[in-house]
Amino acid sequence: MYLIVGLGNPGAKYARTRHNAGWLVLDEVARRHSLEIARKEHKALTAIGNLGAQKIMLAKPQTWMNLSGEAVSALMRYNRVPMENLLVICDDLALPVGKIRLRAGGSDGGQNGLKSIAQMVSNQGFARLRFGIGEPPREQRLERGTADYVLSAFAPDEKQLVEEALSRAADCVETWAREGVEAAMNAFNRGNA
């Protein structure tokens, strides 16, 4: 089984925020494959389906972002998912809005959901798809940090970039499951950073 995890925070007030970009990508994948991410298990909402010949599980941890590892580690253990079959989708402040970047492993880059998962599975060697949400204006960052920004909705003038990026990110997820991480990185990272 391939486990595809979208990171976000539960609750209606966070539904379309920048920090929930992982959930937005997962929703697009689910829509394309007529899946409903609604089954409650291991502190997550899940859906199981097929992507070509691959059996996939889509999962939205229902913990806060910084505790995402609790759900991911439990789902991996219960479903016997090997590390190379895990893909985590998350927001990234360092990438401009509309950009995506897939990596086969690496550091958490300050993303608390990735940090939690790496700690709980005792490994950084899982694929991660980062979805660019851009940085807040310098003045806002200096005055209030980034919390208000990541928990805000995308601006109206970003809507088209976001929709296009969601489609590309879903394409990337499908390529990862069908052809592997290297093929997906080659196809989607070029000219996208």
N, C-alpha and C. Protein backbone atom coordinates (compact mmCIF):
# COMPACT_ATOMS: atom_id res chain seq x y z
N MET A 1 0.84 -1.19 0.00
CA MET A 1 0.00 0.00 0.00
C MET A 1 0.87 1.25 0.00
N TYR A 2 0.40 2.27 -0.69
CA TYR A 2 1.03 3.58 -0.69
C TYR A 2 0.22 4.49 0.21
N LEU A 3 0.89 5.14 1.15
CA LEU A 3 0.22 6.05 2.08
C LEU A 3 0.55 7.48 1.68
N ILE A 4 -0.48 8.23 1.34
CA ILE A 4 -0.33 9.63 0.91
C ILE A 4 -1.01 10.49 1.96
N VAL A 5 -0.21 11.28 2.66
CA VAL A 5 -0.68 12.06 3.79
C VAL A 5 -0.67 13.55 3.44
N GLY A 6 -1.79 14.19 3.65
CA GLY A 6 -1.86 15.65 3.51
C GLY A 6 -1.86 16.26 4.89
N LEU A 7 -1.01 17.24 5.11
CA LEU A 7 -0.96 17.89 6.43
C LEU A 7 -1.86 19.11 6.48
N GLY A 8 -2.46 19.31 7.65
CA GLY A 8 -3.34 20.45 7.87
C GLY A 8 -3.80 20.45 9.31
N ASN A 9 -4.66 21.37 9.62
CA ASN A 9 -5.25 21.46 10.95
C ASN A 9 -6.75 21.20 10.83
N PRO A 10 -7.32 20.42 11.76
CA PRO A 10 -8.76 20.15 11.71
C PRO A 10 -9.57 21.38 12.10
N GLY A 11 -10.79 21.42 11.61
CA GLY A 11 -11.71 22.51 11.96
C GLY A 11 -12.03 23.38 10.76
N ALA A 12 -13.29 23.80 10.69
CA ALA A 12 -13.77 24.58 9.54
C ALA A 12 -13.01 25.88 9.34
N LYS A 13 -12.56 26.51 10.43
CA LYS A 13 -11.90 27.81 10.28
C LYS A 13 -10.53 27.70 9.60
N TYR A 14 -9.97 26.48 9.53
CA TYR A 14 -8.68 26.30 8.88
C TYR A 14 -8.80 25.71 7.47
N ALA A 15 -10.01 25.40 7.05
CA ALA A 15 -10.23 24.59 5.85
C ALA A 15 -9.49 25.08 4.61
N ARG A 16 -9.53 26.34 4.29
CA ARG A 16 -8.90 26.83 3.05
C ARG A 16 -7.69 27.72 3.35
N THR A 17 -7.05 27.49 4.47
CA THR A 17 -5.90 28.31 4.82
C THR A 17 -4.63 27.78 4.17
N ARG A 18 -3.60 28.62 4.17
CA ARG A 18 -2.30 28.25 3.59
C ARG A 18 -1.73 27.01 4.27
N HIS A 19 -1.88 26.93 5.58
CA HIS A 19 -1.30 25.82 6.34
C HIS A 19 -1.96 24.49 5.99
N ASN A 20 -3.15 24.53 5.40
CA ASN A 20 -3.86 23.32 5.02
C ASN A 20 -3.66 22.95 3.55
N ALA A 21 -2.60 23.44 2.95
CA ALA A 21 -2.32 23.14 1.54
C ALA A 21 -2.24 21.64 1.29
N GLY A 22 -1.69 20.89 2.24
CA GLY A 22 -1.61 19.44 2.08
C GLY A 22 -2.99 18.80 1.94
N TRP A 23 -3.95 19.29 2.73
CA TRP A 23 -5.31 18.78 2.64
C TRP A 23 -5.94 19.16 1.30
N LEU A 24 -5.64 20.36 0.82
CA LEU A 24 -6.22 20.82 -0.45
C LEU A 24 -5.74 19.93 -1.60
N VAL A 25 -4.46 19.57 -1.58
CA VAL A 25 -3.93 18.68 -2.62
C VAL A 25 -4.60 17.31 -2.51
N LEU A 26 -4.70 16.79 -1.30
CA LEU A 26 -5.34 15.49 -1.09
C LEU A 26 -6.79 15.50 -1.57
N ASP A 27 -7.49 16.61 -1.33
CA ASP A 27 -8.87 16.73 -1.81
C ASP A 27 -8.94 16.62 -3.32
N GLU A 28 -7.97 17.21 -4.02
CA GLU A 28 -7.95 17.14 -5.48
C GLU A 28 -7.69 15.71 -5.95
N VAL A 29 -6.76 15.02 -5.30
CA VAL A 29 -6.50 13.62 -5.65
C VAL A 29 -7.76 12.79 -5.40
N ALA A 30 -8.40 12.99 -4.27
CA ALA A 30 -9.63 12.25 -3.94
C ALA A 30 -10.73 12.53 -4.97
N ARG A 31 -10.90 13.79 -5.35
CA ARG A 31 -11.92 14.17 -6.34
C ARG A 31 -11.68 13.42 -7.65
N ARG A 32 -10.44 13.40 -8.10
CA ARG A 32 -10.10 12.76 -9.38
C ARG A 32 -10.40 11.26 -9.37
N HIS A 33 -10.31 10.64 -8.21
CA HIS A 33 -10.46 9.18 -8.13
C HIS A 33 -11.74 8.76 -7.40
N SER A 34 -12.67 9.72 -7.28
CA SER A 34 -13.98 9.47 -6.66
C SER A 34 -13.86 8.82 -5.29
N LEU A 35 -12.96 9.36 -4.47
CA LEU A 35 -12.77 8.86 -3.11
C LEU A 35 -13.28 9.89 -2.12
N GLU A 36 -13.81 9.41 -1.00
CA GLU A 36 -14.26 10.29 0.07
C GLU A 36 -13.38 10.04 1.29
N ILE A 37 -12.66 11.07 1.71
CA ILE A 37 -11.75 10.93 2.85
C ILE A 37 -12.57 11.13 4.13
N ALA A 38 -13.16 10.03 4.60
CA ALA A 38 -14.12 10.15 5.70
C ALA A 38 -14.01 9.05 6.76
N ARG A 39 -13.27 7.99 6.48
CA ARG A 39 -13.17 6.90 7.46
C ARG A 39 -12.27 7.34 8.61
N LYS A 40 -12.73 7.17 9.84
CA LYS A 40 -11.96 7.58 11.02
C LYS A 40 -11.14 6.40 11.52
N GLU A 41 -9.83 6.57 11.55
CA GLU A 41 -8.95 5.54 12.09
C GLU A 41 -7.60 6.14 12.46
N HIS A 42 -7.06 5.69 13.57
CA HIS A 42 -5.71 6.07 14.00
C HIS A 42 -5.49 7.59 13.96
N LYS A 43 -6.43 8.34 14.53
CA LYS A 43 -6.33 9.81 14.61
C LYS A 43 -6.25 10.47 13.24
N ALA A 44 -6.91 9.86 12.24
CA ALA A 44 -6.91 10.42 10.88
C ALA A 44 -8.24 10.12 10.20
N LEU A 45 -8.52 10.89 9.17
CA LEU A 45 -9.59 10.57 8.23
C LEU A 45 -8.91 9.96 7.02
N THR A 46 -9.43 8.84 6.53
CA THR A 46 -8.77 8.14 5.45
C THR A 46 -9.74 7.73 4.35
N ALA A 47 -9.15 7.37 3.22
CA ALA A 47 -9.87 6.76 2.10
C ALA A 47 -8.91 5.78 1.45
N ILE A 48 -9.43 4.64 1.02
CA ILE A 48 -8.60 3.66 0.33
C ILE A 48 -9.15 3.48 -1.08
N GLY A 49 -8.23 3.43 -2.03
CA GLY A 49 -8.62 3.25 -3.42
C GLY A 49 -7.45 2.74 -4.23
N ASN A 50 -7.59 2.87 -5.53
CA ASN A 50 -6.54 2.44 -6.44
C ASN A 50 -6.14 3.59 -7.34
N LEU A 51 -4.87 3.64 -7.59
CA LEU A 51 -4.33 4.61 -8.54
C LEU A 51 -3.58 3.76 -9.56
N GLY A 52 -4.24 3.46 -10.65
CA GLY A 52 -3.70 2.47 -11.56
C GLY A 52 -3.68 1.13 -10.86
N ALA A 53 -2.53 0.47 -10.89
CA ALA A 53 -2.38 -0.84 -10.24
C ALA A 53 -2.03 -0.71 -8.76
N GLN A 54 -1.78 0.51 -8.29
CA GLN A 54 -1.33 0.72 -6.92
C GLN A 54 -2.51 0.93 -5.98
N LYS A 55 -2.48 0.22 -4.85
CA LYS A 55 -3.45 0.46 -3.79
C LYS A 55 -2.95 1.66 -2.99
N ILE A 56 -3.81 2.64 -2.77
CA ILE A 56 -3.41 3.85 -2.04
C ILE A 56 -4.34 4.11 -0.86
N MET A 57 -3.77 4.75 0.14
CA MET A 57 -4.56 5.28 1.25
C MET A 57 -4.26 6.78 1.31
N LEU A 58 -5.32 7.57 1.27
CA LEU A 58 -5.20 9.00 1.49
C LEU A 58 -5.52 9.26 2.95
N ALA A 59 -4.72 10.10 3.61
CA ALA A 59 -4.94 10.33 5.03
C ALA A 59 -4.76 11.79 5.40
N LYS A 60 -5.70 12.28 6.20
CA LYS A 60 -5.64 13.62 6.79
C LYS A 60 -5.56 13.45 8.30
N PRO A 61 -4.38 13.60 8.90
CA PRO A 61 -4.30 13.53 10.36
C PRO A 61 -5.28 14.52 11.00
N GLN A 62 -5.93 14.10 12.07
CA GLN A 62 -6.90 14.95 12.75
C GLN A 62 -6.34 15.54 14.05
N THR A 63 -5.04 15.40 14.23
CA THR A 63 -4.35 16.07 15.33
C THR A 63 -3.99 17.47 14.84
N TRP A 64 -3.44 18.29 15.71
CA TRP A 64 -2.88 19.56 15.25
C TRP A 64 -1.64 19.24 14.42
N MET A 65 -1.26 20.17 13.58
CA MET A 65 -0.14 19.97 12.66
C MET A 65 1.10 19.41 13.37
N ASN A 66 1.46 19.99 14.51
CA ASN A 66 2.70 19.58 15.18
C ASN A 66 2.63 18.22 15.86
N LEU A 67 1.48 17.54 15.74
CA LEU A 67 1.34 16.17 16.26
C LEU A 67 1.00 15.18 15.15
N SER A 68 1.20 15.56 13.91
CA SER A 68 0.83 14.72 12.76
C SER A 68 1.48 13.35 12.79
N GLY A 69 2.66 13.26 13.37
CA GLY A 69 3.39 11.99 13.43
C GLY A 69 2.64 10.89 14.16
N GLU A 70 1.78 11.27 15.12
CA GLU A 70 1.01 10.26 15.85
C GLU A 70 0.14 9.45 14.90
N ALA A 71 -0.58 10.13 14.02
CA ALA A 71 -1.46 9.45 13.07
C ALA A 71 -0.64 8.71 12.02
N VAL A 72 0.38 9.36 11.49
CA VAL A 72 1.16 8.75 10.40
C VAL A 72 1.85 7.48 10.87
N SER A 73 2.49 7.52 12.03
CA SER A 73 3.19 6.32 12.50
C SER A 73 2.22 5.18 12.77
N ALA A 74 1.05 5.49 13.33
CA ALA A 74 0.05 4.45 13.60
C ALA A 74 -0.48 3.85 12.29
N LEU A 75 -0.76 4.68 11.30
CA LEU A 75 -1.24 4.17 10.01
C LEU A 75 -0.18 3.32 9.33
N MET A 76 1.06 3.73 9.41
CA MET A 76 2.14 2.97 8.79
C MET A 76 2.28 1.60 9.45
N ARG A 77 2.27 1.58 10.77
CA ARG A 77 2.39 0.30 11.49
C ARG A 77 1.22 -0.63 11.19
N TYR A 78 0.02 -0.12 11.32
CA TYR A 78 -1.18 -0.94 11.15
C TYR A 78 -1.27 -1.52 9.73
N ASN A 79 -0.92 -0.70 8.74
CA ASN A 79 -1.04 -1.12 7.34
C ASN A 79 0.26 -1.65 6.75
N ARG A 80 1.29 -1.76 7.60
CA ARG A 80 2.60 -2.27 7.17
C ARG A 80 3.13 -1.53 5.94
N VAL A 81 3.10 -0.21 6.01
CA VAL A 81 3.56 0.62 4.89
C VAL A 81 5.06 0.84 5.04
N PRO A 82 5.86 0.43 4.05
CA PRO A 82 7.30 0.69 4.14
C PRO A 82 7.59 2.17 3.91
N MET A 83 8.71 2.65 4.44
CA MET A 83 9.07 4.06 4.36
C MET A 83 9.04 4.60 2.93
N GLU A 84 9.48 3.78 1.98
CA GLU A 84 9.54 4.25 0.59
C GLU A 84 8.15 4.41 -0.03
N ASN A 85 7.11 3.93 0.65
CA ASN A 85 5.74 4.06 0.15
C ASN A 85 4.96 5.18 0.86
N LEU A 86 5.68 6.04 1.57
CA LEU A 86 5.05 7.17 2.26
C LEU A 86 5.35 8.47 1.53
N LEU A 87 4.30 9.23 1.25
CA LEU A 87 4.44 10.58 0.70
C LEU A 87 3.66 11.54 1.60
N VAL A 88 4.33 12.60 2.04
CA VAL A 88 3.69 13.61 2.88
C VAL A 88 3.62 14.92 2.10
N ILE A 89 2.45 15.53 2.07
CA ILE A 89 2.23 16.78 1.35
C ILE A 89 2.02 17.88 2.38
N CYS A 90 2.78 18.96 2.26
CA CYS A 90 2.70 20.04 3.26
C CYS A 90 2.91 21.40 2.60
N ASP A 91 2.59 22.44 3.35
CA ASP A 91 2.83 23.81 2.92
C ASP A 91 4.30 24.16 3.11
N ASP A 92 4.77 25.16 2.36
CA ASP A 92 6.15 25.61 2.48
C ASP A 92 6.23 27.13 2.29
N LEU A 93 6.65 27.80 3.35
CA LEU A 93 6.82 29.26 3.31
C LEU A 93 7.92 29.70 2.35
N ALA A 94 8.94 28.87 2.18
CA ALA A 94 10.11 29.25 1.38
C ALA A 94 9.86 29.18 -0.12
N LEU A 95 8.78 28.53 -0.52
CA LEU A 95 8.45 28.45 -1.94
C LEU A 95 7.38 29.49 -2.28
N PRO A 96 7.54 30.16 -3.41
CA PRO A 96 6.50 31.11 -3.82
C PRO A 96 5.16 30.42 -4.06
N VAL A 97 4.08 31.16 -3.91
CA VAL A 97 2.75 30.63 -4.19
C VAL A 97 2.73 30.12 -5.63
N GLY A 98 2.19 28.92 -5.80
CA GLY A 98 2.08 28.35 -7.14
C GLY A 98 3.21 27.41 -7.50
N LYS A 99 4.21 27.27 -6.64
CA LYS A 99 5.33 26.37 -6.90
C LYS A 99 5.21 25.13 -6.03
N ILE A 100 5.67 24.01 -6.57
CA ILE A 100 5.71 22.76 -5.80
C ILE A 100 7.11 22.19 -5.91
N ARG A 101 7.50 21.38 -4.94
CA ARG A 101 8.80 20.71 -4.99
C ARG A 101 8.71 19.37 -4.29
N LEU A 102 9.13 18.32 -4.99
CA LEU A 102 9.13 16.97 -4.45
C LEU A 102 10.56 16.59 -4.08
N ARG A 103 10.73 15.98 -2.91
CA ARG A 103 12.03 15.47 -2.47
C ARG A 103 11.85 14.04 -1.95
N ALA A 104 12.88 13.24 -2.14
CA ALA A 104 12.84 11.84 -1.69
C ALA A 104 13.06 11.71 -0.19
N GLY A 105 13.56 12.74 0.44
CA GLY A 105 13.83 12.74 1.88
C GLY A 105 14.44 14.08 2.24
N GLY A 106 15.02 14.17 3.42
CA GLY A 106 15.69 15.41 3.81
C GLY A 106 15.20 15.95 5.14
N SER A 107 15.52 17.19 5.37
CA SER A 107 15.19 17.82 6.65
C SER A 107 13.73 18.29 6.66
N ASP A 108 13.27 18.66 7.84
CA ASP A 108 11.90 19.16 7.95
C ASP A 108 11.79 20.62 7.52
N GLY A 109 12.91 21.32 7.40
CA GLY A 109 12.88 22.71 6.94
C GLY A 109 12.06 23.62 7.83
N GLY A 110 11.90 23.24 9.10
CA GLY A 110 11.12 24.07 10.01
C GLY A 110 9.62 23.81 9.96
N GLN A 111 9.19 22.86 9.14
CA GLN A 111 7.76 22.54 9.03
C GLN A 111 7.42 21.56 10.17
N ASN A 112 6.58 22.01 11.09
CA ASN A 112 6.31 21.24 12.31
C ASN A 112 5.65 19.88 12.07
N GLY A 113 4.83 19.77 11.04
CA GLY A 113 4.22 18.48 10.73
C GLY A 113 5.26 17.47 10.28
N LEU A 114 6.17 17.90 9.40
CA LEU A 114 7.26 17.02 8.96
C LEU A 114 8.15 16.63 10.13
N LYS A 115 8.41 17.59 10.99
CA LYS A 115 9.25 17.34 12.17
C LYS A 115 8.62 16.26 13.06
N SER A 116 7.33 16.36 13.29
CA SER A 116 6.61 15.39 14.11
C SER A 116 6.66 14.00 13.48
N ILE A 117 6.44 13.93 12.17
CA ILE A 117 6.45 12.63 11.49
C ILE A 117 7.84 12.00 11.58
N ALA A 118 8.87 12.78 11.28
CA ALA A 118 10.25 12.26 11.33
C ALA A 118 10.58 11.73 12.72
N GLN A 119 10.12 12.42 13.76
CA GLN A 119 10.38 11.96 15.13
C GLN A 119 9.63 10.68 15.43
N MET A 120 8.38 10.60 15.02
CA MET A 120 7.55 9.43 15.36
C MET A 120 7.92 8.18 14.57
N VAL A 121 8.42 8.36 13.34
CA VAL A 121 8.81 7.19 12.55
C VAL A 121 10.32 6.96 12.60
N SER A 122 11.01 7.83 13.35
CA SER A 122 12.47 7.73 13.54
C SER A 122 13.21 7.65 12.21
N ASN A 123 12.77 8.48 11.26
CA ASN A 123 13.37 8.44 9.94
C ASN A 123 13.01 9.71 9.17
N GLN A 124 13.96 10.24 8.41
CA GLN A 124 13.68 11.39 7.54
C GLN A 124 13.58 10.95 6.09
N GLY A 125 13.71 9.64 5.84
CA GLY A 125 13.80 9.14 4.48
C GLY A 125 12.47 8.88 3.80
N PHE A 126 11.50 9.75 3.98
CA PHE A 126 10.23 9.61 3.28
C PHE A 126 10.06 10.77 2.31
N ALA A 127 9.33 10.52 1.24
CA ALA A 127 9.11 11.56 0.23
C ALA A 127 8.21 12.64 0.80
N ARG A 128 8.50 13.87 0.37
CA ARG A 128 7.65 14.99 0.78
C ARG A 128 7.43 15.91 -0.40
N LEU A 129 6.19 16.30 -0.58
CA LEU A 129 5.80 17.23 -1.63
C LEU A 129 5.46 18.55 -0.95
N ARG A 130 6.26 19.55 -1.23
CA ARG A 130 6.06 20.87 -0.61
C ARG A 130 5.26 21.75 -1.56
N PHE A 131 4.27 22.43 -1.00
CA PHE A 131 3.37 23.30 -1.76
C PHE A 131 3.65 24.73 -1.33
N GLY A 132 4.11 25.54 -2.26
CA GLY A 132 4.48 26.92 -1.93
C GLY A 132 3.31 27.78 -1.50
N ILE A 133 3.48 28.42 -0.34
CA ILE A 133 2.46 29.37 0.14
C ILE A 133 3.02 30.78 0.22
N GLY A 134 4.31 30.95 -0.14
CA GLY A 134 4.93 32.27 -0.10
C GLY A 134 5.21 32.73 1.32
N GLU A 135 5.94 33.81 1.41
CA GLU A 135 6.27 34.38 2.71
C GLU A 135 5.40 35.59 2.99
N PRO A 136 5.12 35.88 4.26
CA PRO A 136 4.37 37.09 4.58
C PRO A 136 5.23 38.32 4.29
N PRO A 137 4.60 39.46 4.12
CA PRO A 137 5.38 40.68 3.94
C PRO A 137 6.35 40.87 5.11
N ARG A 138 7.49 41.45 4.84
CA ARG A 138 8.55 41.60 5.84
C ARG A 138 8.06 42.26 7.13
N GLU A 139 7.26 43.33 6.98
CA GLU A 139 6.76 44.05 8.16
C GLU A 139 5.90 43.13 9.03
N GLN A 140 5.03 42.36 8.38
CA GLN A 140 4.17 41.44 9.13
C GLN A 140 5.00 40.39 9.84
N ARG A 141 6.01 39.87 9.16
CA ARG A 141 6.88 38.83 9.74
C ARG A 141 7.60 39.38 10.97
N LEU A 142 8.08 40.61 10.87
CA LEU A 142 8.81 41.21 11.99
C LEU A 142 7.90 41.53 13.17
N GLU A 143 6.69 41.99 12.88
CA GLU A 143 5.76 42.38 13.95
C GLU A 143 5.08 41.18 14.62
N ARG A 144 4.63 40.22 13.80
CA ARG A 144 3.78 39.15 14.34
C ARG A 144 4.28 37.74 14.07
N GLY A 145 5.40 37.60 13.41
CA GLY A 145 5.87 36.26 13.04
C GLY A 145 5.08 35.73 11.86
N THR A 146 5.02 34.42 11.72
CA THR A 146 4.37 33.82 10.56
C THR A 146 3.04 33.13 10.88
N ALA A 147 2.70 32.97 12.15
CA ALA A 147 1.52 32.19 12.52
C ALA A 147 0.24 32.74 11.88
N ASP A 148 -0.01 34.04 11.99
CA ASP A 148 -1.22 34.62 11.41
C ASP A 148 -1.26 34.40 9.90
N TYR A 149 -0.09 34.52 9.28
CA TYR A 149 -0.01 34.38 7.82
C TYR A 149 -0.36 32.96 7.38
N VAL A 150 0.28 31.94 7.98
CA VAL A 150 0.03 30.57 7.52
C VAL A 150 -1.40 30.13 7.82
N LEU A 151 -2.04 30.76 8.80
CA LEU A 151 -3.42 30.41 9.14
C LEU A 151 -4.44 31.30 8.42
N SER A 152 -3.96 32.08 7.44
CA SER A 152 -4.86 32.93 6.65
C SER A 152 -5.17 32.26 5.32
N ALA A 153 -6.24 32.72 4.70
CA ALA A 153 -6.62 32.20 3.38
C ALA A 153 -5.70 32.80 2.31
N PHE A 154 -5.62 32.11 1.18
CA PHE A 154 -4.89 32.68 0.06
C PHE A 154 -5.62 33.94 -0.40
N ALA A 155 -4.85 34.90 -0.89
CA ALA A 155 -5.43 36.15 -1.36
C ALA A 155 -6.18 35.92 -2.67
N PRO A 156 -7.19 36.74 -2.96
CA PRO A 156 -7.96 36.57 -4.20
C PRO A 156 -7.07 36.57 -5.46
N ASP A 157 -6.03 37.41 -5.46
CA ASP A 157 -5.17 37.46 -6.65
C ASP A 157 -4.24 36.25 -6.77
N GLU A 158 -4.24 35.38 -5.76
CA GLU A 158 -3.44 34.15 -5.81
C GLU A 158 -4.27 32.94 -6.25
N LYS A 159 -5.57 33.13 -6.36
CA LYS A 159 -6.50 32.01 -6.61
C LYS A 159 -6.11 31.19 -7.83
N GLN A 160 -5.82 31.83 -8.96
CA GLN A 160 -5.50 31.08 -10.17
C GLN A 160 -4.19 30.30 -10.00
N LEU A 161 -3.18 30.94 -9.40
CA LEU A 161 -1.90 30.25 -9.15
C LEU A 161 -2.11 29.02 -8.27
N VAL A 162 -2.93 29.17 -7.24
CA VAL A 162 -3.20 28.07 -6.31
C VAL A 162 -3.92 26.94 -7.03
N GLU A 163 -4.94 27.25 -7.80
CA GLU A 163 -5.69 26.20 -8.50
C GLU A 163 -4.79 25.44 -9.47
N GLU A 164 -3.94 26.16 -10.20
CA GLU A 164 -3.01 25.51 -11.13
C GLU A 164 -2.01 24.63 -10.36
N ALA A 165 -1.52 25.13 -9.23
CA ALA A 165 -0.56 24.37 -8.42
C ALA A 165 -1.22 23.13 -7.82
N LEU A 166 -2.48 23.23 -7.42
CA LEU A 166 -3.18 22.06 -6.88
C LEU A 166 -3.29 20.97 -7.94
N SER A 167 -3.57 21.36 -9.17
CA SER A 167 -3.66 20.39 -10.26
C SER A 167 -2.30 19.75 -10.53
N ARG A 168 -1.23 20.56 -10.58
CA ARG A 168 0.13 20.02 -10.80
C ARG A 168 0.54 19.11 -9.65
N ALA A 169 0.21 19.51 -8.42
CA ALA A 169 0.57 18.70 -7.25
C ALA A 169 -0.15 17.35 -7.31
N ALA A 170 -1.42 17.33 -7.69
CA ALA A 170 -2.15 16.07 -7.81
C ALA A 170 -1.53 15.21 -8.91
N ASP A 171 -1.14 15.83 -10.03
CA ASP A 171 -0.45 15.10 -11.10
C ASP A 171 0.84 14.47 -10.55
N CYS A 172 1.57 15.24 -9.74
CA CYS A 172 2.83 14.77 -9.15
C CYS A 172 2.59 13.58 -8.23
N VAL A 173 1.55 13.64 -7.41
CA VAL A 173 1.20 12.53 -6.52
C VAL A 173 0.92 11.27 -7.34
N GLU A 174 0.17 11.41 -8.41
CA GLU A 174 -0.17 10.27 -9.25
C GLU A 174 1.08 9.67 -9.89
N THR A 175 1.97 10.54 -10.38
CA THR A 175 3.22 10.06 -10.99
C THR A 175 4.08 9.35 -9.95
N TRP A 176 4.16 9.91 -8.73
CA TRP A 176 4.92 9.28 -7.64
C TRP A 176 4.41 7.85 -7.39
N ALA A 177 3.10 7.68 -7.31
CA ALA A 177 2.53 6.37 -7.01
C ALA A 177 2.72 5.39 -8.17
N ARG A 178 2.63 5.89 -9.39
CA ARG A 178 2.71 5.00 -10.55
C ARG A 178 4.14 4.69 -10.98
N GLU A 179 5.02 5.73 -10.90
CA GLU A 179 6.35 5.60 -11.52
C GLU A 179 7.51 5.75 -10.54
N GLY A 180 7.24 6.20 -9.31
CA GLY A 180 8.29 6.36 -8.33
C GLY A 180 8.73 7.80 -8.14
N VAL A 181 9.49 8.01 -7.07
CA VAL A 181 9.87 9.36 -6.67
C VAL A 181 10.81 10.02 -7.68
N GLU A 182 11.76 9.26 -8.23
CA GLU A 182 12.72 9.86 -9.18
C GLU A 182 12.02 10.38 -10.42
N ALA A 183 11.12 9.56 -10.97
CA ALA A 183 10.39 9.98 -12.17
C ALA A 183 9.54 11.21 -11.87
N ALA A 184 8.90 11.23 -10.71
CA ALA A 184 8.06 12.38 -10.34
C ALA A 184 8.90 13.63 -10.13
N MET A 185 10.08 13.50 -9.49
CA MET A 185 10.95 14.67 -9.31
C MET A 185 11.42 15.19 -10.65
N ASN A 186 11.81 14.31 -11.56
CA ASN A 186 12.25 14.73 -12.89
C ASN A 186 11.16 15.45 -13.65
N ALA A 187 9.94 14.98 -13.51
CA ALA A 187 8.82 15.56 -14.25
C ALA A 187 8.31 16.87 -13.67
N PHE A 188 8.39 17.02 -12.33
CA PHE A 188 7.69 18.16 -11.71
C PHE A 188 8.58 19.19 -11.05
N ASN A 189 9.84 18.89 -10.80
CA ASN A 189 10.70 19.87 -10.13
C ASN A 189 11.35 20.85 -11.10
N ARG A 190 11.50 20.46 -12.35
CA ARG A 190 12.16 21.33 -13.33
C ARG A 190 11.37 22.61 -13.54
N GLY A 191 12.05 23.74 -13.43
CA GLY A 191 11.41 25.03 -13.69
C GLY A 191 10.32 25.37 -12.72
N ASN A 192 10.32 24.73 -11.57
CA ASN A 192 9.22 24.92 -10.64
C ASN A 192 9.68 25.41 -9.28
N ALA A 193 10.97 25.68 -9.12
CA ALA A 193 11.46 26.10 -7.81
C ALA A 193 11.57 27.59 -7.72
